[in-house]
């Protein structure tokens, strides 16, 4: 039987998501909305295929790149939760967000 996961966010990840969306919208009208749509589609994919991203830390943190945007979702899987730890720009330090779990 397949496990069903639900999504959850750390406070820091939710703040990052909102900041990125606002920043992109300020750069070009509609870009923030497009980013949010891509982000949501990626999270939906991860909920369906939670192990679709590689593990990037010994603590089981996974990293999934967003299509069309230079951002990555860092997350962990618990018993029934896909916990989003960070939404990070890909040019940030490689260990960014990994200390949140």
PDB file of N, CA and C in Angstrom:
ATOM      1  N   UNK A   1       0.840  -1.175   0.000  1.00  0.00           N
ATOM      2  CA  UNK A   1       0.000   0.000   0.000  1.00  0.00           C
ATOM      3  C   UNK A   1       0.892   1.247   0.000  1.00  0.00           C
ATOM      4  N   UNK A   2       0.478   2.266  -0.731  1.00  0.00           N
ATOM      5  CA  UNK A   2       1.253   3.492  -0.841  1.00  0.00           C
ATOM      6  C   UNK A   2       1.002   4.402   0.353  1.00  0.00           C
ATOM      7  N   UNK A   3       2.057   5.069   0.791  1.00  0.00           N
ATOM      8  CA  UNK A   3       1.915   6.048   1.858  1.00  0.00           C
ATOM      9  C   UNK A   3       1.361   7.334   1.275  1.00  0.00           C
ATOM     10  N   UNK A   4       0.530   8.005   2.056  1.00  0.00           N
ATOM     11  CA  UNK A   4       0.003   9.296   1.648  1.00  0.00           C
ATOM     12  C   UNK A   4       0.631  10.354   2.536  1.00  0.00           C
ATOM     13  N   UNK A   5       1.215  11.344   1.913  1.00  0.00           N
ATOM     14  CA  UNK A   5       1.854  12.424   2.648  1.00  0.00           C
ATOM     15  C   UNK A   5       1.017  13.687   2.541  1.00  0.00           C
ATOM     16  N   UNK A   6       1.113  14.505   3.557  1.00  0.00           N
ATOM     17  CA  UNK A   6       0.537  15.843   3.475  1.00  0.00           C
ATOM     18  C   UNK A   6       1.691  16.827   3.625  1.00  0.00           C
ATOM     19  N   UNK A   7       1.511  18.016   3.090  1.00  0.00           N
ATOM     20  CA  UNK A   7       2.596  18.994   3.123  1.00  0.00           C
ATOM     21  C   UNK A   7       2.509  19.870   4.364  1.00  0.00           C
ATOM     22  N   UNK A   8       3.671  20.319   4.808  1.00  0.00           N
ATOM     23  CA  UNK A   8       3.786  21.276   5.902  1.00  0.00           C
ATOM     24  C   UNK A   8       5.048  22.097   5.653  1.00  0.00           C
ATOM     25  N   UNK A   9       5.089  23.272   6.245  1.00  0.00           N
ATOM     26  CA  UNK A   9       6.201  24.193   6.033  1.00  0.00           C
ATOM     27  C   UNK A   9       6.770  24.642   7.369  1.00  0.00           C
ATOM     28  N   UNK A  10       8.085  24.791   7.422  1.00  0.00           N
ATOM     29  CA  UNK A  10       8.660  25.483   8.565  1.00  0.00           C
ATOM     30  C   UNK A  10       8.307  26.958   8.397  1.00  0.00           C
ATOM     31  N   UNK A  11       8.344  27.688   9.484  1.00  0.00           N
ATOM     32  CA  UNK A  11       8.051  29.120   9.409  1.00  0.00           C
ATOM     33  C   UNK A  11       9.033  29.817   8.461  1.00  0.00           C
ATOM     34  N   UNK A  12      10.291  29.436   8.536  1.00  0.00           N
ATOM     35  CA  UNK A  12      11.313  30.047   7.676  1.00  0.00           C
ATOM     36  C   UNK A  12      11.034  29.766   6.200  1.00  0.00           C
ATOM     37  N   UNK A  13      10.632  28.542   5.870  1.00  0.00           N
ATOM     38  CA  UNK A  13      10.346  28.195   4.472  1.00  0.00           C
ATOM     39  C   UNK A  13       9.154  28.981   3.950  1.00  0.00           C
ATOM     40  N   UNK A  14       8.135  29.134   4.774  1.00  0.00           N
ATOM     41  CA  UNK A  14       6.960  29.893   4.353  1.00  0.00           C
ATOM     42  C   UNK A  14       7.321  31.356   4.124  1.00  0.00           C
ATOM     43  N   UNK A  15       8.146  31.915   4.993  1.00  0.00           N
ATOM     44  CA  UNK A  15       8.614  33.293   4.812  1.00  0.00           C
ATOM     45  C   UNK A  15       9.410  33.425   3.518  1.00  0.00           C
ATOM     46  N   UNK A  16      10.293  32.476   3.248  1.00  0.00           N
ATOM     47  CA  UNK A  16      11.084  32.511   2.012  1.00  0.00           C
ATOM     48  C   UNK A  16      10.183  32.461   0.789  1.00  0.00           C
ATOM     49  N   UNK A  17       9.202  31.579   0.815  1.00  0.00           N
ATOM     50  CA  UNK A  17       8.284  31.446  -0.312  1.00  0.00           C
ATOM     51  C   UNK A  17       7.569  32.761  -0.593  1.00  0.00           C
ATOM     52  N   UNK A  18       7.045  33.393   0.437  1.00  0.00           N
ATOM     53  CA  UNK A  18       6.335  34.661   0.263  1.00  0.00           C
ATOM     54  C   UNK A  18       7.270  35.774  -0.204  1.00  0.00           C
ATOM     55  N   UNK A  19       8.486  35.806   0.334  1.00  0.00           N
ATOM     56  CA  UNK A  19       9.462  36.827  -0.071  1.00  0.00           C
ATOM     57  C   UNK A  19       9.869  36.658  -1.531  1.00  0.00           C
ATOM     58  N   UNK A  20      10.109  35.428  -1.953  1.00  0.00           N
ATOM     59  CA  UNK A  20      10.491  35.166  -3.345  1.00  0.00           C
ATOM     60  C   UNK A  20       9.360  35.566  -4.279  1.00  0.00           C
ATOM     61  N   UNK A  21       8.156  35.171  -3.935  1.00  0.00           N
ATOM     62  CA  UNK A  21       6.999  35.504  -4.769  1.00  0.00           C
ATOM     63  C   UNK A  21       6.840  37.020  -4.901  1.00  0.00           C
ATOM     64  N   UNK A  22       6.961  37.752  -3.798  1.00  0.00           N
ATOM     65  CA  UNK A  22       6.839  39.212  -3.826  1.00  0.00           C
ATOM     66  C   UNK A  22       7.970  39.844  -4.634  1.00  0.00           C
ATOM     67  N   UNK A  23       9.187  39.348  -4.446  1.00  0.00           N
ATOM     68  CA  UNK A  23      10.337  39.875  -5.187  1.00  0.00           C
ATOM     69  C   UNK A  23      10.143  39.702  -6.693  1.00  0.00           C
ATOM     70  N   UNK A  24       9.754  38.507  -7.107  1.00  0.00           N
ATOM     71  CA  UNK A  24       9.580  38.244  -8.537  1.00  0.00           C
ATOM     72  C   UNK A  24       8.431  39.063  -9.116  1.00  0.00           C
ATOM     73  N   UNK A  25       7.379  39.237  -8.345  1.00  0.00           N
ATOM     74  CA  UNK A  25       6.243  40.038  -8.816  1.00  0.00           C
ATOM     75  C   UNK A  25       6.664  41.492  -9.000  1.00  0.00           C
ATOM     76  N   UNK A  26       7.537  41.984  -8.117  1.00  0.00           N
ATOM     77  CA  UNK A  26       8.038  43.357  -8.240  1.00  0.00           C
ATOM     78  C   UNK A  26       8.935  43.510  -9.465  1.00  0.00           C
ATOM     79  N   UNK A  27       9.606  42.429  -9.870  1.00  0.00           N
ATOM     80  CA  UNK A  27      10.474  42.470 -11.043  1.00  0.00           C
ATOM     81  C   UNK A  27       9.670  42.530 -12.335  1.00  0.00           C
ATOM     82  N   UNK A  28       8.557  41.792 -12.367  1.00  0.00           N
ATOM     83  CA  UNK A  28       7.729  41.731 -13.575  1.00  0.00           C
ATOM     84  C   UNK A  28       6.327  41.268 -13.193  1.00  0.00           C
ATOM     85  N   UNK A  29       5.344  42.034 -13.584  1.00  0.00           N
ATOM     86  CA  UNK A  29       3.959  41.708 -13.254  1.00  0.00           C
ATOM     87  C   UNK A  29       3.599  40.305 -13.745  1.00  0.00           C
ATOM     88  N   UNK A  30       3.099  39.490 -12.841  1.00  0.00           N
ATOM     89  CA  UNK A  30       2.705  38.123 -13.174  1.00  0.00           C
ATOM     90  C   UNK A  30       3.775  37.084 -12.907  1.00  0.00           C
ATOM     91  N   UNK A  31       5.030  37.521 -12.747  1.00  0.00           N
ATOM     92  CA  UNK A  31       6.117  36.563 -12.539  1.00  0.00           C
ATOM     93  C   UNK A  31       5.996  35.859 -11.182  1.00  0.00           C
ATOM     94  N   UNK A  32       5.589  36.600 -10.166  1.00  0.00           N
ATOM     95  CA  UNK A  32       5.397  35.988  -8.854  1.00  0.00           C
ATOM     96  C   UNK A  32       4.311  34.927  -8.890  1.00  0.00           C
ATOM     97  N   UNK A  33       3.248  35.214  -9.610  1.00  0.00           N
ATOM     98  CA  UNK A  33       2.150  34.251  -9.747  1.00  0.00           C
ATOM     99  C   UNK A  33       2.606  33.011 -10.515  1.00  0.00           C
ATOM    100  N   UNK A  34       3.420  33.210 -11.547  1.00  0.00           N
ATOM    101  CA  UNK A  34       3.960  32.081 -12.312  1.00  0.00           C
ATOM    102  C   UNK A  34       4.867  31.229 -11.432  1.00  0.00           C
ATOM    103  N   UNK A  35       5.704  31.893 -10.631  1.00  0.00           N
ATOM    104  CA  UNK A  35       6.569  31.171  -9.698  1.00  0.00           C
ATOM    105  C   UNK A  35       5.740  30.330  -8.737  1.00  0.00           C
ATOM    106  N   UNK A  36       4.703  30.936  -8.153  1.00  0.00           N
ATOM    107  CA  UNK A  36       3.867  30.217  -7.180  1.00  0.00           C
ATOM    108  C   UNK A  36       3.200  29.011  -7.831  1.00  0.00           C
ATOM    109  N   UNK A  37       2.785  29.169  -9.081  1.00  0.00           N
ATOM    110  CA  UNK A  37       2.168  28.057  -9.805  1.00  0.00           C
ATOM    111  C   UNK A  37       3.170  26.921 -10.015  1.00  0.00           C
ATOM    112  N   UNK A  38       4.398  27.250 -10.422  1.00  0.00           N
ATOM    113  CA  UNK A  38       5.451  26.241 -10.605  1.00  0.00           C
ATOM    114  C   UNK A  38       5.797  25.575  -9.273  1.00  0.00           C
ATOM    115  N   UNK A  39       5.859  26.378  -8.232  1.00  0.00           N
ATOM    116  CA  UNK A  39       6.158  25.846  -6.904  1.00  0.00           C
ATOM    117  C   UNK A  39       5.073  24.854  -6.479  1.00  0.00           C
ATOM    118  N   UNK A  40       3.819  25.255  -6.619  1.00  0.00           N
ATOM    119  CA  UNK A  40       2.697  24.386  -6.227  1.00  0.00           C
ATOM    120  C   UNK A  40       2.671  23.099  -7.035  1.00  0.00           C
ATOM    121  N   UNK A  41       2.941  23.201  -8.330  1.00  0.00           N
ATOM    122  CA  UNK A  41       2.970  22.006  -9.180  1.00  0.00           C
ATOM    123  C   UNK A  41       4.091  21.062  -8.745  1.00  0.00           C
ATOM    124  N   UNK A  42       5.226  21.622  -8.354  1.00  0.00           N
ATOM    125  CA  UNK A  42       6.347  20.797  -7.899  1.00  0.00           C
ATOM    126  C   UNK A  42       6.014  20.112  -6.577  1.00  0.00           C
ATOM    127  N   UNK A  43       5.379  20.834  -5.667  1.00  0.00           N
ATOM    128  CA  UNK A  43       4.972  20.228  -4.395  1.00  0.00           C
ATOM    129  C   UNK A  43       3.949  19.123  -4.648  1.00  0.00           C
ATOM    130  N   UNK A  44       3.004  19.354  -5.553  1.00  0.00           N
ATOM    131  CA  UNK A  44       2.024  18.311  -5.897  1.00  0.00           C
ATOM    132  C   UNK A  44       2.726  17.061  -6.421  1.00  0.00           C
ATOM    133  N   UNK A  45       3.741  17.262  -7.260  1.00  0.00           N
ATOM    134  CA  UNK A  45       4.516  16.136  -7.784  1.00  0.00           C
ATOM    135  C   UNK A  45       5.225  15.391  -6.647  1.00  0.00           C
ATOM    136  N   UNK A  46       5.796  16.151  -5.713  1.00  0.00           N
ATOM    137  CA  UNK A  46       6.484  15.529  -4.582  1.00  0.00           C
ATOM    138  C   UNK A  46       5.516  14.774  -3.677  1.00  0.00           C
ATOM    139  N   UNK A  47       4.306  15.270  -3.537  1.00  0.00           N
ATOM    140  CA  UNK A  47       3.310  14.556  -2.736  1.00  0.00           C
ATOM    141  C   UNK A  47       2.936  13.232  -3.392  1.00  0.00           C
ATOM    142  N   UNK A  48       2.932  13.223  -4.719  1.00  0.00           N
ATOM    143  CA  UNK A  48       2.621  11.992  -5.446  1.00  0.00           C
ATOM    144  C   UNK A  48       3.821  11.044  -5.490  1.00  0.00           C
ATOM    145  N   UNK A  49       5.016  11.629  -5.650  1.00  0.00           N
ATOM    146  CA  UNK A  49       6.256  10.851  -5.732  1.00  0.00           C
ATOM    147  C   UNK A  49       7.262  11.434  -4.733  1.00  0.00           C
ATOM    148  N   UNK A  50       7.083  11.180  -3.447  1.00  0.00           N
ATOM    149  CA  UNK A  50       7.888  11.846  -2.423  1.00  0.00           C
ATOM    150  C   UNK A  50       9.384  11.561  -2.476  1.00  0.00           C
ATOM    151  N   UNK A  51       9.773  10.459  -3.083  1.00  0.00           N
ATOM    152  CA  UNK A  51      11.198  10.136  -3.165  1.00  0.00           C
ATOM    153  C   UNK A  51      11.794  10.514  -4.519  1.00  0.00           C
ATOM    154  N   UNK A  52      11.129  11.411  -5.242  1.00  0.00           N
ATOM    155  CA  UNK A  52      11.570  11.809  -6.579  1.00  0.00           C
ATOM    156  C   UNK A  52      12.809  12.698  -6.564  1.00  0.00           C
ATOM    157  N   UNK A  53      13.170  13.219  -5.414  1.00  0.00           N
ATOM    158  CA  UNK A  53      14.346  14.089  -5.316  1.00  0.00           C
ATOM    159  C   UNK A  53      15.453  13.362  -4.558  1.00  0.00           C
ATOM    160  N   UNK A  54      16.697  13.656  -4.898  1.00  0.00           N
ATOM    161  CA  UNK A  54      17.808  12.979  -4.225  1.00  0.00           C
ATOM    162  C   UNK A  54      17.993  13.451  -2.786  1.00  0.00           C
ATOM    163  N   UNK A  55      18.482  12.554  -1.967  1.00  0.00           N
ATOM    164  CA  UNK A  55      18.858  12.888  -0.594  1.00  0.00           C
ATOM    165  C   UNK A  55      20.191  13.627  -0.660  1.00  0.00           C
ATOM    166  N   UNK A  56      20.269  14.778   0.026  1.00  0.00           N
ATOM    167  CA  UNK A  56      21.480  15.599  -0.042  1.00  0.00           C
ATOM    168  C   UNK A  56      22.161  15.781   1.311  1.00  0.00           C
ATOM    169  N   UNK A  57      21.649  15.088   2.327  1.00  0.00           N
ATOM    170  CA  UNK A  57      22.292  15.168   3.639  1.00  0.00           C
ATOM    171  C   UNK A  57      22.095  13.852   4.377  1.00  0.00           C
ATOM    172  N   UNK A  58      22.977  13.568   5.324  1.00  0.00           N
ATOM    173  CA  UNK A  58      22.849  12.328   6.099  1.00  0.00           C
ATOM    174  C   UNK A  58      21.549  12.262   6.909  1.00  0.00           C
ATOM    175  N   UNK A  59      20.919  13.410   7.138  1.00  0.00           N
ATOM    176  CA  UNK A  59      19.677  13.431   7.912  1.00  0.00           C
ATOM    177  C   UNK A  59      18.437  13.216   7.051  1.00  0.00           C
ATOM    178  N   UNK A  60      18.641  12.877   5.791  1.00  0.00           N
ATOM    179  CA  UNK A  60      17.512  12.562   4.923  1.00  0.00           C
ATOM    180  C   UNK A  60      16.874  13.744   4.223  1.00  0.00           C
ATOM    181  N   UNK A  61      17.532  14.883   4.225  1.00  0.00           N
ATOM    182  CA  UNK A  61      16.990  16.055   3.531  1.00  0.00           C
ATOM    183  C   UNK A  61      17.111  15.833   2.030  1.00  0.00           C
ATOM    184  N   UNK A  62      16.037  16.134   1.334  1.00  0.00           N
ATOM    185  CA  UNK A  62      15.990  15.995  -0.124  1.00  0.00           C
ATOM    186  C   UNK A  62      15.932  17.378  -0.762  1.00  0.00           C
ATOM    187  N   UNK A  63      16.381  17.455  -2.025  1.00  0.00           N
ATOM    188  CA  UNK A  63      16.432  18.738  -2.735  1.00  0.00           C
ATOM    189  C   UNK A  63      15.838  18.561  -4.125  1.00  0.00           C
ATOM    190  N   UNK A  64      14.786  19.321  -4.409  1.00  0.00           N
ATOM    191  CA  UNK A  64      14.127  19.263  -5.716  1.00  0.00           C
ATOM    192  C   UNK A  64      14.203  20.642  -6.359  1.00  0.00           C
ATOM    193  N   UNK A  65      14.760  20.692  -7.570  1.00  0.00           N
ATOM    194  CA  UNK A  65      14.845  21.950  -8.308  1.00  0.00           C
ATOM    195  C   UNK A  65      13.490  22.299  -8.911  1.00  0.00           C
ATOM    196  N   UNK A  66      13.205  23.600  -8.960  1.00  0.00           N
ATOM    197  CA  UNK A  66      11.985  24.059  -9.611  1.00  0.00           C
ATOM    198  C   UNK A  66      12.247  24.248 -11.099  1.00  0.00           C
ATOM    199  N   UNK A  67      11.320  23.816 -11.941  1.00  0.00           N
ATOM    200  CA  UNK A  67      11.495  24.075 -13.373  1.00  0.00           C
ATOM    201  C   UNK A  67      11.327  25.570 -13.648  1.00  0.00           C
ATOM    202  N   UNK A  68      12.125  26.090 -14.531  1.00  0.00           N
ATOM    203  CA  UNK A  68      12.026  27.472 -15.014  1.00  0.00           C
ATOM    204  C   UNK A  68      12.470  28.549 -14.031  1.00  0.00           C
ATOM    205  N   UNK A  69      12.812  28.183 -12.809  1.00  0.00           N
ATOM    206  CA  UNK A  69      13.262  29.165 -11.820  1.00  0.00           C
ATOM    207  C   UNK A  69      14.496  28.624 -11.099  1.00  0.00           C
ATOM    208  N   UNK A  70      15.429  29.508 -10.724  1.00  0.00           N
ATOM    209  CA  UNK A  70      16.660  29.048 -10.060  1.00  0.00           C
ATOM    210  C   UNK A  70      16.483  28.860  -8.551  1.00  0.00           C
ATOM    211  N   UNK A  71      15.479  28.082  -8.190  1.00  0.00           N
ATOM    212  CA  UNK A  71      15.187  27.818  -6.785  1.00  0.00           C
ATOM    213  C   UNK A  71      15.038  26.324  -6.561  1.00  0.00           C
ATOM    214  N   UNK A  72      15.268  25.918  -5.317  1.00  0.00           N
ATOM    215  CA  UNK A  72      15.132  24.513  -4.935  1.00  0.00           C
ATOM    216  C   UNK A  72      14.290  24.418  -3.667  1.00  0.00           C
ATOM    217  N   UNK A  73      13.569  23.319  -3.564  1.00  0.00           N
ATOM    218  CA  UNK A  73      12.804  23.006  -2.363  1.00  0.00           C
ATOM    219  C   UNK A  73      13.613  21.982  -1.572  1.00  0.00           C
ATOM    220  N   UNK A  74      13.908  22.290  -0.324  1.00  0.00           N
ATOM    221  CA  UNK A  74      14.557  21.331   0.571  1.00  0.00           C
ATOM    222  C   UNK A  74      13.493  20.795   1.510  1.00  0.00           C
ATOM    223  N   UNK A  75      13.402  19.461   1.602  1.00  0.00           N
ATOM    224  CA  UNK A  75      12.344  18.865   2.406  1.00  0.00           C
ATOM    225  C   UNK A  75      12.791  17.541   3.002  1.00  0.00           C
ATOM    226  N   UNK A  76      12.047  17.099   3.998  1.00  0.00           N
ATOM    227  CA  UNK A  76      12.247  15.783   4.600  1.00  0.00           C
ATOM    228  C   UNK A  76      10.904  15.068   4.633  1.00  0.00           C
ATOM    229  N   UNK A  77      10.995  13.756   4.673  1.00  0.00           N
ATOM    230  CA  UNK A  77       9.803  12.927   4.799  1.00  0.00           C
ATOM    231  C   UNK A  77       9.769  12.350   6.205  1.00  0.00           C
ATOM    232  N   UNK A  78       8.647  12.502   6.866  1.00  0.00           N
ATOM    233  CA  UNK A  78       8.440  11.850   8.149  1.00  0.00           C
ATOM    234  C   UNK A  78       7.362  10.792   7.932  1.00  0.00           C
ATOM    235  N   UNK A  79       6.799  10.283   8.984  1.00  0.00           N
ATOM    236  CA  UNK A  79       5.825   9.198   8.861  1.00  0.00           C
ATOM    237  C   UNK A  79       4.731   9.504   7.834  1.00  0.00           C
ATOM    238  N   UNK A  80       4.116  10.681   7.911  1.00  0.00           N
ATOM    239  CA  UNK A  80       3.036  11.029   6.990  1.00  0.00           C
ATOM    240  C   UNK A  80       3.133  12.464   6.490  1.00  0.00           C
ATOM    241  N   UNK A  81       4.308  13.067   6.655  1.00  0.00           N
ATOM    242  CA  UNK A  81       4.476  14.483   6.369  1.00  0.00           C
ATOM    243  C   UNK A  81       5.621  14.732   5.399  1.00  0.00           C
ATOM    244  N   UNK A  82       5.369  15.591   4.429  1.00  0.00           N
ATOM    245  CA  UNK A  82       6.414  16.123   3.571  1.00  0.00           C
ATOM    246  C   UNK A  82       6.663  17.527   4.117  1.00  0.00           C
ATOM    247  N   UNK A  83       7.722  17.663   4.896  1.00  0.00           N
ATOM    248  CA  UNK A  83       8.015  18.918   5.584  1.00  0.00           C
ATOM    249  C   UNK A  83       8.999  19.735   4.767  1.00  0.00           C
ATOM    250  N   UNK A  84       8.542  20.887   4.293  1.00  0.00           N
ATOM    251  CA  UNK A  84       9.388  21.779   3.501  1.00  0.00           C
ATOM    252  C   UNK A  84      10.187  22.646   4.468  1.00  0.00           C
ATOM    253  N   UNK A  85      11.509  22.489   4.395  1.00  0.00           N
ATOM    254  CA  UNK A  85      12.422  23.171   5.307  1.00  0.00           C
ATOM    255  C   UNK A  85      12.870  24.520   4.774  1.00  0.00           C
ATOM    256  N   UNK A  86      13.065  24.614   3.456  1.00  0.00           N
ATOM    257  CA  UNK A  86      13.606  25.834   2.861  1.00  0.00           C
ATOM    258  C   UNK A  86      13.224  25.918   1.393  1.00  0.00           C
ATOM    259  N   UNK A  87      13.131  27.151   0.920  1.00  0.00           N
ATOM    260  CA  UNK A  87      13.006  27.436  -0.507  1.00  0.00           C
ATOM    261  C   UNK A  87      14.214  28.314  -0.800  1.00  0.00           C
ATOM    262  N   UNK A  88      15.208  27.745  -1.473  1.00  0.00           N
ATOM    263  CA  UNK A  88      16.508  28.392  -1.590  1.00  0.00           C
ATOM    264  C   UNK A  88      16.876  28.691  -3.035  1.00  0.00           C
ATOM    265  N   UNK A  89      17.491  29.845  -3.239  1.00  0.00           N
ATOM    266  CA  UNK A  89      18.051  30.170  -4.552  1.00  0.00           C
ATOM    267  C   UNK A  89      19.221  29.219  -4.788  1.00  0.00           C
ATOM    268  N   UNK A  90      19.356  28.733  -5.991  1.00  0.00           N
ATOM    269  CA  UNK A  90      20.390  27.730  -6.271  1.00  0.00           C
ATOM    270  C   UNK A  90      21.809  28.278  -6.177  1.00  0.00           C
ATOM    271  N   UNK A  91      21.967  29.598  -6.153  1.00  0.00           N
ATOM    272  CA  UNK A  91      23.319  30.154  -6.023  1.00  0.00           C
ATOM    273  C   UNK A  91      23.733  30.316  -4.557  1.00  0.00           C
ATOM    274  N   UNK A  92      22.852  29.993  -3.625  1.00  0.00           N
ATOM    275  CA  UNK A  92      23.206  30.074  -2.201  1.00  0.00           C
ATOM    276  C   UNK A  92      24.187  28.970  -1.846  1.00  0.00           C
ATOM    277  N   UNK A  93      24.775  29.105  -0.677  1.00  0.00           N
ATOM    278  CA  UNK A  93      25.718  28.093  -0.188  1.00  0.00           C
ATOM    279  C   UNK A  93      25.063  26.713  -0.238  1.00  0.00           C
ATOM    280  N   UNK A  94      25.807  25.687  -0.605  1.00  0.00           N
ATOM    281  CA  UNK A  94      25.231  24.349  -0.774  1.00  0.00           C
ATOM    282  C   UNK A  94      24.535  23.794   0.471  1.00  0.00           C
ATOM    283  N   UNK A  95      24.949  24.222   1.654  1.00  0.00           N
ATOM    284  CA  UNK A  95      24.346  23.708   2.882  1.00  0.00           C
ATOM    285  C   UNK A  95      23.193  24.570   3.395  1.00  0.00           C
ATOM    286  N   UNK A  96      22.793  25.578   2.622  1.00  0.00           N
ATOM    287  CA  UNK A  96      21.717  26.467   3.051  1.00  0.00           C
ATOM    288  C   UNK A  96      20.452  25.669   3.367  1.00  0.00           C
ATOM    289  N   UNK A  97      19.887  25.906   4.527  1.00  0.00           N
ATOM    290  CA  UNK A  97      18.635  25.284   4.931  1.00  0.00           C
ATOM    291  C   UNK A  97      18.758  23.907   5.547  1.00  0.00           C
ATOM    292  N   UNK A  98      19.916  23.293   5.435  1.00  0.00           N
ATOM    293  CA  UNK A  98      20.072  21.924   5.939  1.00  0.00           C
ATOM    294  C   UNK A  98      20.138  21.850   7.463  1.00  0.00           C
ATOM    295  N   UNK A  99      20.327  22.981   8.112  1.00  0.00           N
ATOM    296  CA  UNK A  99      20.388  22.993   9.574  1.00  0.00           C
ATOM    297  C   UNK A  99      19.007  23.142  10.208  1.00  0.00           C
ATOM    298  N   UNK A 100      17.968  23.103   9.408  1.00  0.00           N
ATOM    299  CA  UNK A 100      16.608  23.309   9.916  1.00  0.00           C
ATOM    300  C   UNK A 100      15.924  22.020  10.343  1.00  0.00           C
ATOM    301  N   UNK A 101      16.625  20.903  10.250  1.00  0.00           N
ATOM    302  CA  UNK A 101      16.012  19.634  10.645  1.00  0.00           C
ATOM    303  C   UNK A 101      16.983  18.839  11.488  1.00  0.00           C
TER     304      UNK A 101
END
